N, C-alpha and C. Protein backbone atom coordinates (compact mmCIF):
# COMPACT_ATOMS: atom_id res chain seq x y z
N MET A 1 0.78 -1.32 -0.01
CA MET A 1 -0.13 0.25 -0.03
C MET A 1 1.05 1.34 0.37
N GLU A 2 2.16 1.45 0.70
CA GLU A 2 2.48 2.76 0.85
C GLU A 2 3.96 2.98 -0.76
N ALA A 3 3.83 1.29 -1.61
CA ALA A 3 4.47 1.44 -2.47
C ALA A 3 3.76 2.39 -3.29
N ILE A 4 2.26 2.29 -3.66
CA ILE A 4 1.52 3.01 -4.40
C ILE A 4 1.43 4.18 -3.95
N SER A 5 1.30 4.76 -2.93
CA SER A 5 1.16 5.52 -1.91
C SER A 5 2.36 6.61 -2.37
N LYS A 6 3.19 6.13 -2.48
CA LYS A 6 4.47 6.85 -3.38
C LYS A 6 4.80 7.20 -4.55
N THR A 7 4.57 5.74 -5.28
CA THR A 7 4.42 6.16 -6.73
C THR A 7 3.50 6.63 -6.94
N SER A 8 2.32 6.89 -6.54
CA SER A 8 1.50 8.08 -6.61
C SER A 8 1.41 9.73 -6.74
N ARG A 9 2.57 9.88 -5.53
CA ARG A 9 2.73 11.32 -4.81
C ARG A 9 3.90 12.11 -6.20
N ILE A 10 4.42 10.25 -6.47
CA ILE A 10 5.99 10.60 -7.42
C ILE A 10 5.35 11.18 -8.32
N GLU A 11 4.18 10.46 -8.92
CA GLU A 11 3.18 10.61 -10.83
C GLU A 11 2.85 12.52 -10.17
N LYS A 12 2.52 12.55 -9.41
CA LYS A 12 1.89 13.86 -8.94
C LYS A 12 2.75 15.11 -8.95
N ILE A 13 3.47 14.58 -8.59
CA ILE A 13 5.15 16.13 -8.39
C ILE A 13 4.95 15.64 -10.25
N VAL A 14 5.42 14.48 -10.94
CA VAL A 14 6.07 14.98 -11.75
C VAL A 14 4.63 15.75 -13.27
N LYS A 15 3.65 15.54 -12.67
CA LYS A 15 2.94 16.01 -13.14
C LYS A 15 2.75 17.66 -13.25
N LEU A 16 2.31 17.76 -11.93
CA LEU A 16 2.17 19.06 -11.50
C LEU A 16 3.63 19.92 -12.33
N THR A 17 4.70 19.35 -12.61
CA THR A 17 6.50 19.88 -12.79
C THR A 17 5.98 20.22 -14.24
N LEU A 18 5.74 19.37 -15.34
CA LEU A 18 5.47 19.43 -16.20
C LEU A 18 3.43 20.78 -16.25
N VAL A 19 3.64 20.61 -15.67
CA VAL A 19 2.41 21.94 -15.91
C VAL A 19 2.76 22.79 -15.69
N ALA A 20 4.00 23.19 -14.51
CA ALA A 20 4.41 24.45 -14.34
C ALA A 20 5.44 24.55 -15.43
N ILE A 21 5.61 23.95 -15.53
CA ILE A 21 6.94 24.35 -17.42
C ILE A 21 6.21 24.62 -18.69
N ILE A 22 5.05 23.85 -18.63
CA ILE A 22 4.35 23.86 -19.78
C ILE A 22 3.80 25.26 -19.43
N GLY A 23 3.04 25.83 -18.37
CA GLY A 23 2.85 27.20 -18.38
C GLY A 23 3.81 28.19 -18.76
N THR A 24 5.35 27.86 -18.10
CA THR A 24 5.97 29.47 -18.38
C THR A 24 6.71 29.34 -19.28
N ALA A 25 6.25 28.14 -20.38
CA ALA A 25 6.45 28.47 -22.34
C ALA A 25 5.43 29.18 -22.09
N LEU A 26 4.23 29.23 -21.89
CA LEU A 26 2.98 29.86 -22.25
C LEU A 26 2.80 31.08 -22.58
N ILE A 27 3.68 31.32 -21.32
CA ILE A 27 4.47 33.02 -20.26
C ILE A 27 5.52 33.59 -21.30
N THR A 28 6.59 32.45 -21.59
CA THR A 28 7.08 32.48 -22.39
C THR A 28 6.95 33.93 -23.92
N ILE A 29 5.99 32.85 -24.60
CA ILE A 29 5.41 32.90 -25.54
C ILE A 29 5.01 33.97 -25.36
N SER A 30 4.22 33.93 -24.57
CA SER A 30 3.01 35.49 -24.52
C SER A 30 4.33 36.76 -24.10
N ALA A 31 4.99 36.46 -24.12
CA ALA A 31 5.92 37.63 -24.23
C ALA A 31 6.56 37.94 -24.73
N LYS A 32 6.88 37.09 -25.84
CA LYS A 32 7.69 37.34 -27.62
C LYS A 32 6.58 38.62 -28.15
N ILE A 33 5.21 38.11 -28.65
CA ILE A 33 4.12 38.37 -28.30
C ILE A 33 3.72 40.03 -28.01
N LYS A 34 4.75 40.60 -28.55
CA LYS A 34 4.41 42.25 -28.04
C LYS A 34 4.47 43.26 -29.51
N ILE A 35 3.93 44.42 -28.93
CA ILE A 35 4.51 46.06 -29.43
C ILE A 35 5.47 46.29 -29.00
N PRO A 36 6.46 47.05 -29.69
CA PRO A 36 7.00 48.39 -28.41
C PRO A 36 6.76 49.00 -27.86
N PHE A 37 6.49 49.31 -26.90
CA PHE A 37 6.77 50.97 -26.72
C PHE A 37 7.31 51.08 -25.30
N TYR A 38 8.22 52.29 -24.91
CA TYR A 38 8.69 52.83 -23.97
C TYR A 38 8.20 53.37 -22.73
N PRO A 39 8.57 53.19 -21.99
CA PRO A 39 9.40 51.66 -21.58
C PRO A 39 9.13 50.50 -21.55
N VAL A 40 7.84 50.50 -21.52
CA VAL A 40 7.73 49.35 -21.59
C VAL A 40 6.49 48.65 -22.30
N PRO A 41 7.30 47.25 -23.09
CA PRO A 41 6.02 46.92 -24.43
C PRO A 41 4.60 46.59 -23.89
N MET A 42 4.19 46.58 -24.88
CA MET A 42 3.04 45.83 -24.74
C MET A 42 2.93 43.80 -25.23
N THR A 43 2.43 43.39 -24.38
CA THR A 43 2.65 42.00 -24.79
C THR A 43 0.90 41.00 -23.95
N MET A 44 1.25 39.56 -24.52
CA MET A 44 0.37 39.05 -24.27
C MET A 44 0.02 37.90 -22.97
N GLN A 45 0.93 38.70 -22.04
CA GLN A 45 1.30 38.03 -21.20
C GLN A 45 0.65 38.62 -19.26
N THR A 46 -0.41 39.32 -19.86
CA THR A 46 -1.13 39.50 -18.31
C THR A 46 -2.33 38.88 -18.64
N PHE A 47 -2.08 38.51 -20.15
CA PHE A 47 -3.96 37.48 -20.58
C PHE A 47 -3.48 36.31 -19.92
N VAL A 48 -2.60 36.15 -20.23
CA VAL A 48 -1.92 34.26 -19.88
C VAL A 48 -1.49 34.12 -18.97
N ILE A 49 -1.04 35.28 -17.97
CA ILE A 49 -0.93 35.32 -16.54
C ILE A 49 -2.41 34.93 -15.95
N LEU A 50 -3.55 35.89 -15.82
CA LEU A 50 -4.65 35.26 -15.88
C LEU A 50 -5.41 33.77 -16.20
N LEU A 51 -5.65 33.60 -17.49
CA LEU A 51 -5.58 32.05 -17.94
C LEU A 51 -5.32 31.52 -16.87
N ILE A 52 -3.78 31.47 -16.48
CA ILE A 52 -3.22 30.25 -15.93
C ILE A 52 -3.50 30.56 -14.15
N GLY A 53 -4.15 31.76 -13.98
CA GLY A 53 -4.82 31.79 -12.24
C GLY A 53 -6.03 30.42 -12.37
N ILE A 54 -6.73 31.25 -13.72
CA ILE A 54 -8.03 30.58 -13.61
C ILE A 54 -8.29 29.30 -13.91
N THR A 55 -6.86 28.93 -14.59
CA THR A 55 -6.70 27.45 -15.11
C THR A 55 -6.39 26.12 -13.55
N LEU A 56 -5.31 27.16 -13.22
CA LEU A 56 -4.35 25.91 -12.51
C LEU A 56 -5.00 26.72 -10.76
N GLY A 57 -5.08 27.65 -10.61
CA GLY A 57 -5.40 27.74 -9.06
C GLY A 57 -4.29 28.78 -9.08
N TYR A 58 -3.99 29.54 -7.39
CA TYR A 58 -3.21 29.89 -6.97
C TYR A 58 -2.32 29.44 -6.64
N LYS A 59 -2.76 28.17 -6.01
CA LYS A 59 -1.26 27.44 -5.54
C LYS A 59 -0.21 27.37 -7.00
N MET A 60 -0.52 26.88 -7.47
CA MET A 60 -0.08 26.10 -9.07
C MET A 60 -0.10 27.52 -10.14
N GLY A 61 -0.60 28.24 -9.83
CA GLY A 61 -0.85 29.23 -10.43
C GLY A 61 0.40 30.62 -9.62
N LEU A 62 1.16 30.05 -8.82
CA LEU A 62 2.13 30.96 -8.28
C LEU A 62 3.45 30.48 -8.76
N ALA A 63 3.13 28.84 -8.26
CA ALA A 63 4.48 27.67 -8.56
C ALA A 63 4.77 28.29 -9.88
N THR A 64 3.86 28.50 -11.00
CA THR A 64 4.02 28.61 -12.03
C THR A 64 5.11 29.99 -12.33
N VAL A 65 3.98 31.08 -12.30
CA VAL A 65 4.63 32.65 -12.44
C VAL A 65 6.38 32.22 -11.84
N GLY A 66 6.26 32.05 -10.32
CA GLY A 66 7.64 31.65 -9.62
C GLY A 66 8.40 31.28 -10.62
N LEU A 67 8.54 30.03 -11.09
CA LEU A 67 9.65 29.53 -11.86
C LEU A 67 9.95 30.58 -13.12
N TYR A 68 8.50 31.28 -13.67
CA TYR A 68 8.90 32.11 -15.14
C TYR A 68 9.90 32.82 -14.03
N LEU A 69 9.26 33.89 -13.29
CA LEU A 69 10.22 34.41 -12.88
C LEU A 69 11.63 34.37 -12.42
N PHE A 70 11.85 32.50 -11.98
CA PHE A 70 13.34 32.47 -11.65
C PHE A 70 14.16 32.15 -12.15
N GLU A 71 13.13 31.56 -14.27
CA GLU A 71 13.52 31.47 -14.95
C GLU A 71 14.90 32.54 -16.03
N GLY A 72 14.26 33.84 -15.58
CA GLY A 72 14.13 34.94 -16.25
C GLY A 72 15.81 35.51 -15.52
N ILE A 73 15.28 35.00 -14.16
CA ILE A 73 16.55 35.61 -13.33
C ILE A 73 17.47 35.39 -13.37
N ILE A 74 17.40 33.91 -13.36
CA ILE A 74 19.19 33.01 -13.52
C ILE A 74 19.50 33.32 -14.96
N GLY A 75 18.91 34.06 -16.31
CA GLY A 75 19.50 34.25 -17.11
C GLY A 75 18.67 33.53 -18.62
N LEU A 76 17.95 32.54 -18.82
CA LEU A 76 17.00 32.25 -19.16
C LEU A 76 16.26 33.10 -20.31
N PRO A 77 16.39 33.45 -21.71
CA PRO A 77 15.72 34.93 -22.09
C PRO A 77 14.17 34.50 -22.26
N VAL A 78 13.42 34.93 -20.79
CA VAL A 78 12.02 34.66 -21.14
C VAL A 78 11.49 35.87 -21.13
N PHE A 79 11.89 36.73 -21.15
CA PHE A 79 11.03 38.00 -20.33
C PHE A 79 11.18 38.61 -21.70
N ALA A 80 10.33 39.84 -22.24
CA ALA A 80 10.15 40.68 -23.05
C ALA A 80 10.38 40.80 -24.38
N SER A 81 11.79 41.40 -23.57
CA SER A 81 12.84 42.22 -24.46
C SER A 81 14.35 40.92 -24.19
N SER A 82 14.10 40.60 -23.40
CA SER A 82 15.68 39.61 -23.34
C SER A 82 15.38 38.79 -24.46
N PRO A 83 16.64 38.34 -24.97
CA PRO A 83 18.28 39.06 -24.49
C PRO A 83 18.48 39.85 -25.57
N GLU A 84 17.65 40.21 -26.42
CA GLU A 84 17.98 41.69 -26.89
C GLU A 84 18.00 42.99 -26.06
N LYS A 85 17.28 43.22 -24.76
CA LYS A 85 18.11 44.26 -23.89
C LYS A 85 18.74 43.52 -23.06
N GLY A 86 19.22 42.88 -22.77
CA GLY A 86 19.76 42.46 -21.63
C GLY A 86 18.72 40.54 -20.88
N ILE A 87 19.79 40.28 -19.59
CA ILE A 87 18.70 38.90 -18.89
C ILE A 87 19.32 38.90 -17.83
N GLY A 88 18.84 38.01 -17.48
CA GLY A 88 18.53 37.66 -15.90
C GLY A 88 18.25 39.11 -14.39
N ILE A 89 19.23 38.76 -13.77
CA ILE A 89 19.18 40.13 -12.27
C ILE A 89 18.85 41.39 -12.72
N ALA A 90 19.82 41.92 -14.30
CA ALA A 90 19.97 43.22 -14.69
C ALA A 90 19.19 43.66 -15.18
N TYR A 91 18.22 42.57 -16.34
CA TYR A 91 16.80 42.51 -16.72
C TYR A 91 15.38 42.25 -15.87
N PHE A 92 15.17 42.32 -14.84
CA PHE A 92 14.55 42.08 -14.12
C PHE A 92 14.59 43.03 -13.36
N ILE A 93 15.17 44.01 -12.76
CA ILE A 93 15.56 44.70 -12.00
C ILE A 93 15.46 46.00 -12.94
N GLY A 94 15.01 45.64 -14.14
CA GLY A 94 14.96 46.92 -15.26
C GLY A 94 12.95 47.51 -15.01
N PRO A 95 12.87 48.80 -16.34
CA PRO A 95 11.47 48.81 -16.23
C PRO A 95 10.75 47.99 -15.91
N THR A 96 10.47 47.07 -15.73
CA THR A 96 8.92 45.97 -16.00
C THR A 96 9.31 45.04 -15.36
N MET A 97 9.88 45.50 -13.67
CA MET A 97 10.37 44.65 -12.51
C MET A 97 8.85 44.71 -11.75
N GLY A 98 8.30 46.29 -11.95
CA GLY A 98 7.30 45.75 -10.97
C GLY A 98 6.48 45.17 -11.93
N TYR A 99 5.90 45.18 -12.88
CA TYR A 99 4.81 44.58 -13.80
C TYR A 99 5.10 42.79 -13.32
N LEU A 100 6.44 42.69 -13.26
CA LEU A 100 7.23 41.46 -13.42
C LEU A 100 6.29 40.52 -11.73
N ILE A 101 6.58 41.16 -10.61
CA ILE A 101 6.89 41.13 -9.45
C ILE A 101 4.88 41.10 -9.73
N GLY A 102 3.92 42.11 -10.27
CA GLY A 102 2.41 42.03 -10.23
C GLY A 102 1.91 40.90 -11.04
N PHE A 103 2.70 40.27 -11.34
CA PHE A 103 2.61 38.93 -11.57
C PHE A 103 1.78 37.93 -11.32
N LEU A 104 2.69 38.16 -9.73
CA LEU A 104 2.35 37.07 -8.67
C LEU A 104 0.87 37.35 -7.87
N VAL A 105 0.90 38.70 -8.09
CA VAL A 105 -0.20 38.75 -6.85
C VAL A 105 -1.57 39.06 -8.32
N ALA A 106 -1.43 38.51 -9.07
CA ALA A 106 -2.15 38.72 -10.31
C ALA A 106 -2.88 37.50 -9.99
N VAL A 107 -1.66 36.49 -10.36
CA VAL A 107 -2.04 34.66 -10.48
C VAL A 107 -2.91 34.69 -9.20
N TYR A 108 -2.70 35.04 -7.93
CA TYR A 108 -3.08 34.90 -6.75
C TYR A 108 -4.18 35.36 -7.17
N PHE A 109 -4.84 35.75 -6.89
CA PHE A 109 -5.76 36.58 -7.36
C PHE A 109 -6.81 35.88 -8.28
N THR A 110 -6.27 35.65 -9.43
CA THR A 110 -7.59 35.17 -10.36
C THR A 110 -7.16 33.86 -10.11
N GLY A 111 -6.52 33.03 -9.55
CA GLY A 111 -6.76 31.50 -8.99
C GLY A 111 -7.45 31.64 -7.44
N LEU A 112 -7.77 32.51 -6.85
CA LEU A 112 -8.50 32.25 -5.33
C LEU A 112 -9.46 32.53 -6.08
N PHE A 113 -10.00 33.50 -7.23
CA PHE A 113 -11.27 33.61 -7.06
C PHE A 113 -11.90 32.25 -7.74
N LYS A 114 -14.01 32.38 -7.19
CA LYS A 114 -14.53 31.05 -7.41
C LYS A 114 -15.37 32.28 -8.94
N TYR A 115 -15.52 31.56 -9.82
CA TYR A 115 -16.14 32.04 -11.36
C TYR A 115 -17.87 31.81 -11.02
N ASP A 116 -19.05 31.19 -9.77
CA ASP A 116 -19.86 31.54 -10.66
C ASP A 116 -20.80 32.37 -10.41
N LYS A 117 -20.61 33.53 -10.42
CA LYS A 117 -21.99 34.04 -9.94
C LYS A 117 -21.71 35.12 -11.26
N GLY A 118 -21.87 34.55 -12.28
CA GLY A 118 -22.23 35.62 -13.35
C GLY A 118 -20.74 36.15 -13.76
N ILE A 119 -21.56 36.48 -15.07
CA ILE A 119 -20.51 37.27 -16.43
C ILE A 119 -20.20 39.18 -15.85
N ILE A 120 -20.50 39.68 -15.23
CA ILE A 120 -20.28 40.76 -14.49
C ILE A 120 -19.26 40.48 -12.79
N ASN A 121 -19.54 39.78 -12.40
CA ASN A 121 -19.04 39.68 -11.30
C ASN A 121 -17.23 39.21 -12.11
N THR A 122 -17.72 38.22 -12.54
CA THR A 122 -16.52 37.38 -13.04
C THR A 122 -14.82 38.54 -13.86
N PHE A 123 -15.89 39.69 -14.68
CA PHE A 123 -15.28 40.99 -14.89
C PHE A 123 -14.38 41.62 -14.76
N LEU A 124 -15.01 41.69 -12.92
CA LEU A 124 -14.75 42.37 -11.98
C LEU A 124 -13.78 42.22 -11.71
N LYS A 125 -13.78 40.53 -11.03
CA LYS A 125 -13.36 39.94 -10.54
C LYS A 125 -11.55 39.99 -10.93
N LEU A 126 -11.44 39.67 -12.49
CA LEU A 126 -10.03 39.97 -13.76
C LEU A 126 -9.31 41.17 -13.78
N ILE A 127 -10.72 42.53 -13.54
CA ILE A 127 -10.04 43.42 -13.48
C ILE A 127 -9.44 44.09 -12.10
N PHE A 128 -9.72 43.49 -10.92
CA PHE A 128 -9.36 43.76 -9.85
C PHE A 128 -7.93 42.45 -9.82
N SER A 129 -7.51 41.85 -10.27
CA SER A 129 -6.40 40.60 -10.61
C SER A 129 -5.55 41.45 -11.25
N VAL A 130 -5.61 42.08 -12.58
CA VAL A 130 -5.35 42.47 -12.78
C VAL A 130 -4.36 44.33 -13.23
N SER A 131 -5.46 45.05 -12.06
CA SER A 131 -4.96 46.07 -11.88
C SER A 131 -3.24 45.98 -10.88
N PHE A 132 -3.49 44.70 -10.09
CA PHE A 132 -2.36 44.75 -9.39
C PHE A 132 -0.80 44.98 -10.21
N ILE A 133 -0.93 44.11 -11.72
CA ILE A 133 0.28 44.14 -12.38
C ILE A 133 0.55 45.78 -12.46
N TYR A 134 -0.42 46.64 -12.38
CA TYR A 134 -0.07 47.95 -13.17
C TYR A 134 0.29 48.89 -12.15
N ILE A 135 -0.54 49.10 -10.82
CA ILE A 135 -0.43 49.38 -9.82
C ILE A 135 1.36 48.67 -9.78
N LEU A 136 1.64 47.63 -9.28
CA LEU A 136 3.38 47.66 -9.03
C LEU A 136 3.81 48.11 -10.21
N GLY A 137 3.53 48.12 -11.43
CA GLY A 137 4.07 47.98 -12.73
C GLY A 137 4.31 49.80 -12.22
N LEU A 138 3.94 50.52 -12.23
CA LEU A 138 3.64 51.79 -12.58
C LEU A 138 4.80 52.44 -10.88
N VAL A 139 4.03 51.37 -9.70
CA VAL A 139 5.23 52.42 -8.91
C VAL A 139 6.68 51.73 -9.31
N TRP A 140 7.12 50.55 -9.44
CA TRP A 140 8.36 50.64 -9.86
C TRP A 140 8.58 51.56 -11.02
N LEU A 141 8.55 51.79 -11.77
CA LEU A 141 8.63 52.69 -12.51
C LEU A 141 8.62 54.01 -12.08
N GLY A 142 8.06 54.37 -11.87
CA GLY A 142 8.12 56.03 -10.85
C GLY A 142 9.64 55.86 -10.17
N VAL A 143 9.83 54.42 -9.16
CA VAL A 143 10.47 54.46 -8.16
C VAL A 143 12.17 55.08 -9.76
N LEU A 144 12.09 53.53 -10.71
CA LEU A 144 13.14 53.62 -11.60
C LEU A 144 13.22 55.34 -12.41
N ILE A 145 12.21 55.45 -12.62
CA ILE A 145 12.53 56.41 -13.79
C ILE A 145 11.91 58.07 -13.28
N GLY A 146 11.76 57.65 -12.46
CA GLY A 146 11.66 59.65 -11.47
C GLY A 146 9.98 60.03 -11.59
N TRP A 147 9.58 60.33 -10.49
CA TRP A 147 7.57 60.87 -10.62
C TRP A 147 7.42 62.18 -10.87
N ASP A 148 8.79 62.47 -11.29
CA ASP A 148 8.07 64.18 -12.11
C ASP A 148 8.01 63.63 -13.98
N LYS A 149 8.13 62.36 -14.49
CA LYS A 149 7.85 62.19 -15.54
C LYS A 149 6.19 61.47 -15.62
N PRO A 150 5.26 60.93 -16.96
CA PRO A 150 4.19 60.86 -17.56
C PRO A 150 3.59 58.89 -17.14
N ILE A 151 4.30 58.64 -15.24
CA ILE A 151 4.68 58.03 -15.19
C ILE A 151 3.17 57.11 -15.85
N PHE A 152 2.00 57.50 -15.69
CA PHE A 152 0.72 56.37 -16.24
C PHE A 152 0.42 56.61 -17.60
N LYS A 153 1.26 57.90 -18.24
CA LYS A 153 1.07 57.80 -19.86
C LYS A 153 2.27 56.68 -20.21
N LEU A 154 3.13 56.40 -19.40
CA LEU A 154 4.32 55.51 -20.09
C LEU A 154 3.85 54.30 -20.19
N GLY A 155 3.31 53.71 -18.75
CA GLY A 155 3.39 52.60 -17.88
C GLY A 155 1.63 51.94 -17.78
N ALA A 156 0.75 52.38 -18.66
CA ALA A 156 -0.88 52.24 -17.98
C ALA A 156 -1.74 52.84 -19.67
N GLN A 157 -1.05 53.91 -19.72
CA GLN A 157 -2.70 54.37 -20.61
C GLN A 157 -2.49 53.74 -22.31
N PRO A 158 -1.37 53.76 -22.63
CA PRO A 158 -1.75 53.08 -23.55
C PRO A 158 -1.56 51.61 -23.87
N PHE A 159 -1.99 51.10 -22.22
CA PHE A 159 -2.13 49.74 -22.91
C PHE A 159 -3.91 49.44 -22.30
N LEU A 160 -4.32 50.09 -21.75
CA LEU A 160 -5.38 49.99 -21.33
C LEU A 160 -6.99 49.26 -22.24
N LEU A 161 -7.08 49.14 -23.05
CA LEU A 161 -7.68 49.31 -24.46
C LEU A 161 -7.35 47.63 -24.85
N ALA A 162 -6.16 47.28 -24.85
CA ALA A 162 -5.71 46.30 -25.05
C ALA A 162 -5.71 45.17 -23.96
N GLU A 163 -6.14 45.48 -22.72
CA GLU A 163 -6.17 44.95 -21.53
C GLU A 163 -7.49 44.35 -22.03
N LEU A 164 -8.19 45.80 -22.03
CA LEU A 164 -9.56 45.40 -21.92
C LEU A 164 -10.30 44.39 -22.80
N LEU A 165 -10.28 44.38 -23.75
CA LEU A 165 -10.27 43.19 -24.73
C LEU A 165 -9.62 41.50 -24.38
N LYS A 166 -8.24 41.59 -24.09
CA LYS A 166 -7.94 40.62 -23.41
C LYS A 166 -8.88 40.13 -22.23
N ILE A 167 -9.18 41.24 -21.53
CA ILE A 167 -10.03 40.20 -20.04
C ILE A 167 -11.34 39.87 -21.05
N LEU A 168 -11.95 40.69 -21.29
CA LEU A 168 -13.25 40.14 -22.34
C LEU A 168 -12.96 38.85 -23.36
N LEU A 169 -11.84 38.67 -24.11
CA LEU A 169 -12.13 37.59 -24.57
C LEU A 169 -11.77 36.64 -23.52
N LEU A 170 -11.31 36.65 -22.27
CA LEU A 170 -10.74 35.52 -20.92
C LEU A 170 -12.09 35.51 -20.37
N LEU A 171 -13.33 37.23 -20.29
CA LEU A 171 -14.66 36.52 -19.75
C LEU A 171 -15.23 35.57 -20.87
N PHE A 172 -15.38 35.53 -21.82
CA PHE A 172 -15.49 34.12 -22.40
C PHE A 172 -15.03 32.83 -22.64
N LEU A 173 -13.74 32.49 -22.69
CA LEU A 173 -13.13 31.57 -22.38
C LEU A 173 -13.13 30.75 -21.28
N THR A 174 -13.24 31.82 -19.87
CA THR A 174 -13.88 31.52 -18.15
C THR A 174 -14.26 29.81 -17.71
N PRO A 175 -16.04 29.77 -19.13
CA PRO A 175 -16.42 28.60 -18.70
C PRO A 175 -15.26 27.18 -19.23
N MET A 176 -14.68 27.53 -20.58
CA MET A 176 -14.08 26.69 -21.05
C MET A 176 -13.08 25.90 -20.19
N LEU A 177 -12.50 27.54 -19.56
CA LEU A 177 -10.69 27.15 -19.14
C LEU A 177 -11.51 26.57 -17.34
N LEU A 178 -12.42 26.56 -16.58
CA LEU A 178 -12.53 26.03 -15.67
C LEU A 178 -13.43 24.13 -15.96
N LYS A 179 -13.44 24.08 -16.95
CA LYS A 179 -13.83 22.76 -17.35
C LYS A 179 -12.30 21.85 -17.59
N VAL A 180 -11.48 22.73 -17.94
CA VAL A 180 -10.07 22.24 -18.33
C VAL A 180 -9.30 21.93 -16.92
N LYS A 181 -9.02 23.05 -16.27
CA LYS A 181 -9.40 22.83 -15.09
C LYS A 181 -9.72 21.78 -14.20
N LYS A 182 -11.18 20.76 -13.95
CA LYS A 182 -11.45 19.98 -13.32
C LYS A 182 -10.93 18.82 -14.29
N LEU A 183 -10.45 19.00 -15.70
CA LEU A 183 -9.99 17.94 -15.89
C LEU A 183 -8.82 16.91 -15.72
N ILE A 184 -8.29 18.51 -15.92
CA ILE A 184 -6.64 18.22 -14.99
C ILE A 184 -6.33 17.98 -13.27
N LYS A 185 -7.70 18.08 -13.26
CA LYS A 185 -7.63 18.42 -11.53
C LYS A 185 -6.64 18.87 -10.77
N ILE A 186 -6.51 20.01 -10.95
CA ILE A 186 -5.16 20.64 -10.27
C ILE A 186 -6.24 21.94 -9.52
N THR A 187 -5.68 21.83 -7.70
CA THR A 187 -6.02 22.30 -6.93
C THR A 187 -5.07 23.76 -6.02
């Protein structure tokens, strides 16, 4: 009996590891789909971060995003403008660090929420979750380039319409993502 239990634990660890690696690959791909802006590029990362939160829940979501950040910090070219604009910790502490840290908060809340109270409730939860990416991103951008600069205009305003479209897409994908969550049985 103990051997079966040990085998099932190992299988679960392998499954969770593979899911996290696939998740980091999705985040990396979404980072490379970008429209160049200065100082922060527009990518599909926020869409994928929220998608991961909905599909994997907050625990696996945090593990996946944490692994992604770790990959980038150790020098793998997973971030949006790496390797063109640097790699590793030097890139991480650049203009996008607040947004990257915001991914952790956003995936946590997105994964924590239940999506069973209707479309408006789901919309508000997604807006709430993604707002942490922008809040932390703007705070870090202000610290880095100075509060005398037009921080909101540089770090949020150009992205808001695209963000709304990503959230609307997620809004309609949420029922399917919840079915996927049940299929892969990750909590």
